[in-house]
Amino acid sequence: MAASISQEHRISAEDAAQAKDGTEPDARFTFANERTFLAWNRTALALVVAGLAIVQLLPPFAGLPWGRHLIAIPLIVLGAVIAVASYVEWQRNQRALRRGEPLPRSALPRILAWSIAALGTLAAALVLASAVRR
């Protein structure tokens, strides 16, 4: 009788946890979510490496010795932001999958697109300013 009561108690505790966390989604969706997370992390790593390469390997802009840093530092920071944001997004997506809810919209593509556009514009302005100073 006592074993029966503890088993019933265990089942209800499991049901409560399952109601909170949802059910285990199809493994294919979990793996797809993980692959997306890893892809964003590869992008983040590429941004950090690009920023470091710009500072270390790009010749200085004529008359603008700080120009390399003006491009590189935002790239490195953007890489760090994308890495953290991709983890938060992975968690949100996993939670939605477990609960059977629609996946939340991702802000990462918009953040990346606008940031790269702004950095490209900044780089073009630095190249033009450097050419004028020669």
C-alpha atoms as a PDB file:
ATOM      1  CA  MET A   1       0.000   0.000   0.000  1.00  0.00           C
ATOM      2  CA  ALA A   2       2.799   2.451   0.912  1.00  0.00           C
ATOM      3  CA  ALA A   3       4.629   1.624  -2.324  1.00  0.00           C
ATOM      4  CA  SER A   4       1.434   2.314  -4.242  1.00  0.00           C
ATOM      5  CA  ILE A   5       1.015   5.726  -2.605  1.00  0.00           C
ATOM      6  CA  SER A   6       4.628   6.741  -3.237  1.00  0.00           C
ATOM      7  CA  GLN A   7       4.331   5.595  -6.851  1.00  0.00           C
ATOM      8  CA  GLU A   8       1.166   7.682  -7.290  1.00  0.00           C
ATOM      9  CA  HIS A   9       2.928  10.632  -5.701  1.00  0.00           C
ATOM     10  CA  ARG A  10       5.898  10.159  -8.050  1.00  0.00           C
ATOM     11  CA  ILE A  11       3.640  10.050 -11.101  1.00  0.00           C
ATOM     12  CA  SER A  12       1.830  13.222 -10.114  1.00  0.00           C
ATOM     13  CA  ALA A  13       5.160  14.995  -9.516  1.00  0.00           C
ATOM     14  CA  GLU A  14       6.309  13.853 -12.969  1.00  0.00           C
ATOM     15  CA  ASP A  15       3.035  15.104 -14.468  1.00  0.00           C
ATOM     16  CA  ALA A  16       3.526  18.480 -12.804  1.00  0.00           C
ATOM     17  CA  ALA A  17       7.096  18.743 -14.101  1.00  0.00           C
ATOM     18  CA  GLN A  18       5.964  17.692 -17.565  1.00  0.00           C
ATOM     19  CA  ALA A  19       3.195  20.303 -17.554  1.00  0.00           C
ATOM     20  CA  LYS A  20       5.769  22.961 -16.691  1.00  0.00           C
ATOM     21  CA  ASP A  21       8.515  21.844 -19.096  1.00  0.00           C
ATOM     22  CA  GLY A  22       6.334  20.150 -21.722  1.00  0.00           C
ATOM     23  CA  THR A  23       7.083  16.883 -23.433  1.00  0.00           C
ATOM     24  CA  GLU A  24      10.215  15.663 -25.109  1.00  0.00           C
ATOM     25  CA  PRO A  25      10.077  16.865 -28.739  1.00  0.00           C
ATOM     26  CA  ASP A  26      10.992  14.740 -31.732  1.00  0.00           C
ATOM     27  CA  ALA A  27      14.779  14.335 -31.694  1.00  0.00           C
ATOM     28  CA  ARG A  28      15.014  15.695 -35.243  1.00  0.00           C
ATOM     29  CA  PHE A  29      13.671  19.068 -34.101  1.00  0.00           C
ATOM     30  CA  THR A  30      16.010  19.137 -31.124  1.00  0.00           C
ATOM     31  CA  PHE A  31      18.986  18.364 -33.378  1.00  0.00           C
ATOM     32  CA  ALA A  32      17.875  21.011 -35.903  1.00  0.00           C
ATOM     33  CA  ASN A  33      17.657  23.569 -33.101  1.00  0.00           C
ATOM     34  CA  GLU A  34      21.147  22.574 -31.961  1.00  0.00           C
ATOM     35  CA  ARG A  35      22.548  22.837 -35.509  1.00  0.00           C
ATOM     36  CA  THR A  36      21.087  26.329 -35.803  1.00  0.00           C
ATOM     37  CA  PHE A  37      22.696  27.278 -32.499  1.00  0.00           C
ATOM     38  CA  LEU A  38      26.056  25.943 -33.699  1.00  0.00           C
ATOM     39  CA  ALA A  39      25.726  27.821 -37.005  1.00  0.00           C
ATOM     40  CA  TRP A  40      25.172  31.082 -35.143  1.00  0.00           C
ATOM     41  CA  ASN A  41      28.209  30.320 -33.005  1.00  0.00           C
ATOM     42  CA  ARG A  42      30.332  29.736 -36.111  1.00  0.00           C
ATOM     43  CA  THR A  43      29.166  33.141 -37.336  1.00  0.00           C
ATOM     44  CA  ALA A  44      30.048  34.690 -33.971  1.00  0.00           C
ATOM     45  CA  LEU A  45      33.488  33.104 -34.035  1.00  0.00           C
ATOM     46  CA  ALA A  46      34.060  34.319 -37.601  1.00  0.00           C
ATOM     47  CA  LEU A  47      33.192  37.887 -36.535  1.00  0.00           C
ATOM     48  CA  VAL A  48      35.635  37.758 -33.623  1.00  0.00           C
ATOM     49  CA  VAL A  49      38.396  36.322 -35.833  1.00  0.00           C
ATOM     50  CA  ALA A  50      37.708  38.927 -38.539  1.00  0.00           C
ATOM     51  CA  GLY A  51      38.029  41.702 -35.964  1.00  0.00           C
ATOM     52  CA  LEU A  52      41.300  40.308 -34.663  1.00  0.00           C
ATOM     53  CA  ALA A  53      42.628  39.835 -38.192  1.00  0.00           C
ATOM     54  CA  ILE A  54      41.787  43.429 -39.102  1.00  0.00           C
ATOM     55  CA  VAL A  55      43.739  44.771 -36.135  1.00  0.00           C
ATOM     56  CA  GLN A  56      46.707  42.451 -36.607  1.00  0.00           C
ATOM     57  CA  LEU A  57      47.027  42.040 -40.378  1.00  0.00           C
ATOM     58  CA  LEU A  58      45.421  45.000 -42.164  1.00  0.00           C
ATOM     59  CA  PRO A  59      47.864  47.814 -42.912  1.00  0.00           C
ATOM     60  CA  PRO A  60      46.994  51.078 -41.165  1.00  0.00           C
ATOM     61  CA  PHE A  61      44.821  53.551 -43.042  1.00  0.00           C
ATOM     62  CA  ALA A  62      46.849  56.534 -44.267  1.00  0.00           C
ATOM     63  CA  GLY A  63      46.338  59.364 -41.798  1.00  0.00           C
ATOM     64  CA  LEU A  64      43.920  57.317 -39.700  1.00  0.00           C
ATOM     65  CA  PRO A  65      45.975  55.096 -37.365  1.00  0.00           C
ATOM     66  CA  TRP A  66      42.857  54.293 -35.274  1.00  0.00           C
ATOM     67  CA  GLY A  67      40.821  53.253 -38.327  1.00  0.00           C
ATOM     68  CA  ARG A  68      41.519  49.520 -37.973  1.00  0.00           C
ATOM     69  CA  HIS A  69      40.323  49.572 -34.371  1.00  0.00           C
ATOM     70  CA  LEU A  70      37.184  51.475 -35.360  1.00  0.00           C
ATOM     71  CA  ILE A  71      36.207  48.553 -37.591  1.00  0.00           C
ATOM     72  CA  ALA A  72      37.628  45.666 -35.550  1.00  0.00           C
ATOM     73  CA  ILE A  73      36.238  46.407 -32.098  1.00  0.00           C
ATOM     74  CA  PRO A  74      32.572  46.468 -33.192  1.00  0.00           C
ATOM     75  CA  LEU A  75      33.119  43.191 -35.070  1.00  0.00           C
ATOM     76  CA  ILE A  76      34.527  41.533 -31.960  1.00  0.00           C
ATOM     77  CA  VAL A  77      31.727  42.894 -29.767  1.00  0.00           C
ATOM     78  CA  LEU A  78      29.112  41.828 -32.341  1.00  0.00           C
ATOM     79  CA  GLY A  79      30.590  38.314 -32.283  1.00  0.00           C
ATOM     80  CA  ALA A  80      30.256  38.195 -28.498  1.00  0.00           C
ATOM     81  CA  VAL A  81      26.667  39.475 -28.641  1.00  0.00           C
ATOM     82  CA  ILE A  82      25.704  36.926 -31.320  1.00  0.00           C
ATOM     83  CA  ALA A  83      27.230  34.087 -29.265  1.00  0.00           C
ATOM     84  CA  VAL A  84      25.228  34.976 -26.156  1.00  0.00           C
ATOM     85  CA  ALA A  85      22.031  35.778 -28.084  1.00  0.00           C
ATOM     86  CA  SER A  86      22.219  32.471 -29.953  1.00  0.00           C
ATOM     87  CA  TYR A  87      22.276  30.574 -26.667  1.00  0.00           C
ATOM     88  CA  VAL A  88      19.261  32.508 -25.378  1.00  0.00           C
ATOM     89  CA  GLU A  89      17.465  31.811 -28.654  1.00  0.00           C
ATOM     90  CA  TRP A  90      18.343  28.099 -28.482  1.00  0.00           C
ATOM     91  CA  GLN A  91      16.786  27.950 -25.006  1.00  0.00           C
ATOM     92  CA  ARG A  92      13.628  29.775 -26.116  1.00  0.00           C
ATOM     93  CA  ASN A  93      13.237  27.508 -29.144  1.00  0.00           C
ATOM     94  CA  GLN A  94      13.778  24.364 -27.077  1.00  0.00           C
ATOM     95  CA  ARG A  95      11.194  25.495 -24.546  1.00  0.00           C
ATOM     96  CA  ALA A  96       8.691  26.223 -27.330  1.00  0.00           C
ATOM     97  CA  LEU A  97       9.346  22.810 -28.904  1.00  0.00           C
ATOM     98  CA  ARG A  98       8.759  21.075 -25.565  1.00  0.00           C
ATOM     99  CA  ARG A  99       5.517  22.940 -24.993  1.00  0.00           C
ATOM    100  CA  GLY A 100       4.257  22.461 -28.551  1.00  0.00           C
ATOM    101  CA  GLU A 101       4.152  26.228 -29.099  1.00  0.00           C
ATOM    102  CA  PRO A 102       5.113  28.107 -32.263  1.00  0.00           C
ATOM    103  CA  LEU A 103       8.786  29.032 -32.409  1.00  0.00           C
ATOM    104  CA  PRO A 104       9.485  32.637 -31.413  1.00  0.00           C
ATOM    105  CA  ARG A 105      10.776  35.009 -34.057  1.00  0.00           C
ATOM    106  CA  SER A 106      14.512  35.482 -34.097  1.00  0.00           C
ATOM    107  CA  ALA A 107      16.089  38.916 -33.862  1.00  0.00           C
ATOM    108  CA  LEU A 108      19.533  37.541 -34.781  1.00  0.00           C
ATOM    109  CA  PRO A 109      19.263  37.902 -38.583  1.00  0.00           C
ATOM    110  CA  ARG A 110      18.100  41.513 -38.235  1.00  0.00           C
ATOM    111  CA  ILE A 111      20.841  42.343 -35.714  1.00  0.00           C
ATOM    112  CA  LEU A 112      23.495  40.772 -37.909  1.00  0.00           C
ATOM    113  CA  ALA A 113      22.263  42.365 -41.157  1.00  0.00           C
ATOM    114  CA  TRP A 114      22.009  45.892 -39.756  1.00  0.00           C
ATOM    115  CA  SER A 115      25.320  45.641 -37.906  1.00  0.00           C
ATOM    116  CA  ILE A 116      27.215  44.392 -40.935  1.00  0.00           C
ATOM    117  CA  ALA A 117      25.597  47.076 -43.109  1.00  0.00           C
ATOM    118  CA  ALA A 118      26.645  49.753 -40.607  1.00  0.00           C
ATOM    119  CA  LEU A 119      30.178  48.364 -40.344  1.00  0.00           C
ATOM    120  CA  GLY A 120      30.456  48.156 -44.139  1.00  0.00           C
ATOM    121  CA  THR A 121      29.393  51.792 -44.414  1.00  0.00           C
ATOM    122  CA  LEU A 122      31.908  52.750 -41.740  1.00  0.00           C
ATOM    123  CA  ALA A 123      34.679  50.829 -43.530  1.00  0.00           C
ATOM    124  CA  ALA A 124      33.840  52.554 -46.830  1.00  0.00           C
ATOM    125  CA  ALA A 125      33.939  55.953 -45.106  1.00  0.00           C
ATOM    126  CA  LEU A 126      37.340  55.145 -43.586  1.00  0.00           C
ATOM    127  CA  VAL A 127      38.735  54.058 -46.951  1.00  0.00           C
ATOM    128  CA  LEU A 128      37.489  57.271 -48.559  1.00  0.00           C
ATOM    129  CA  ALA A 129      38.836  59.430 -45.717  1.00  0.00           C
ATOM    130  CA  SER A 130      42.179  57.657 -45.942  1.00  0.00           C
ATOM    131  CA  ALA A 131      42.314  58.239 -49.726  1.00  0.00           C
ATOM    132  CA  VAL A 132      41.598  61.949 -49.260  1.00  0.00           C
ATOM    133  CA  ARG A 133      44.377  62.298 -46.689  1.00  0.00           C
ATOM    134  CA  ARG A 134      47.036  60.821 -48.977  1.00  0.00           C
END
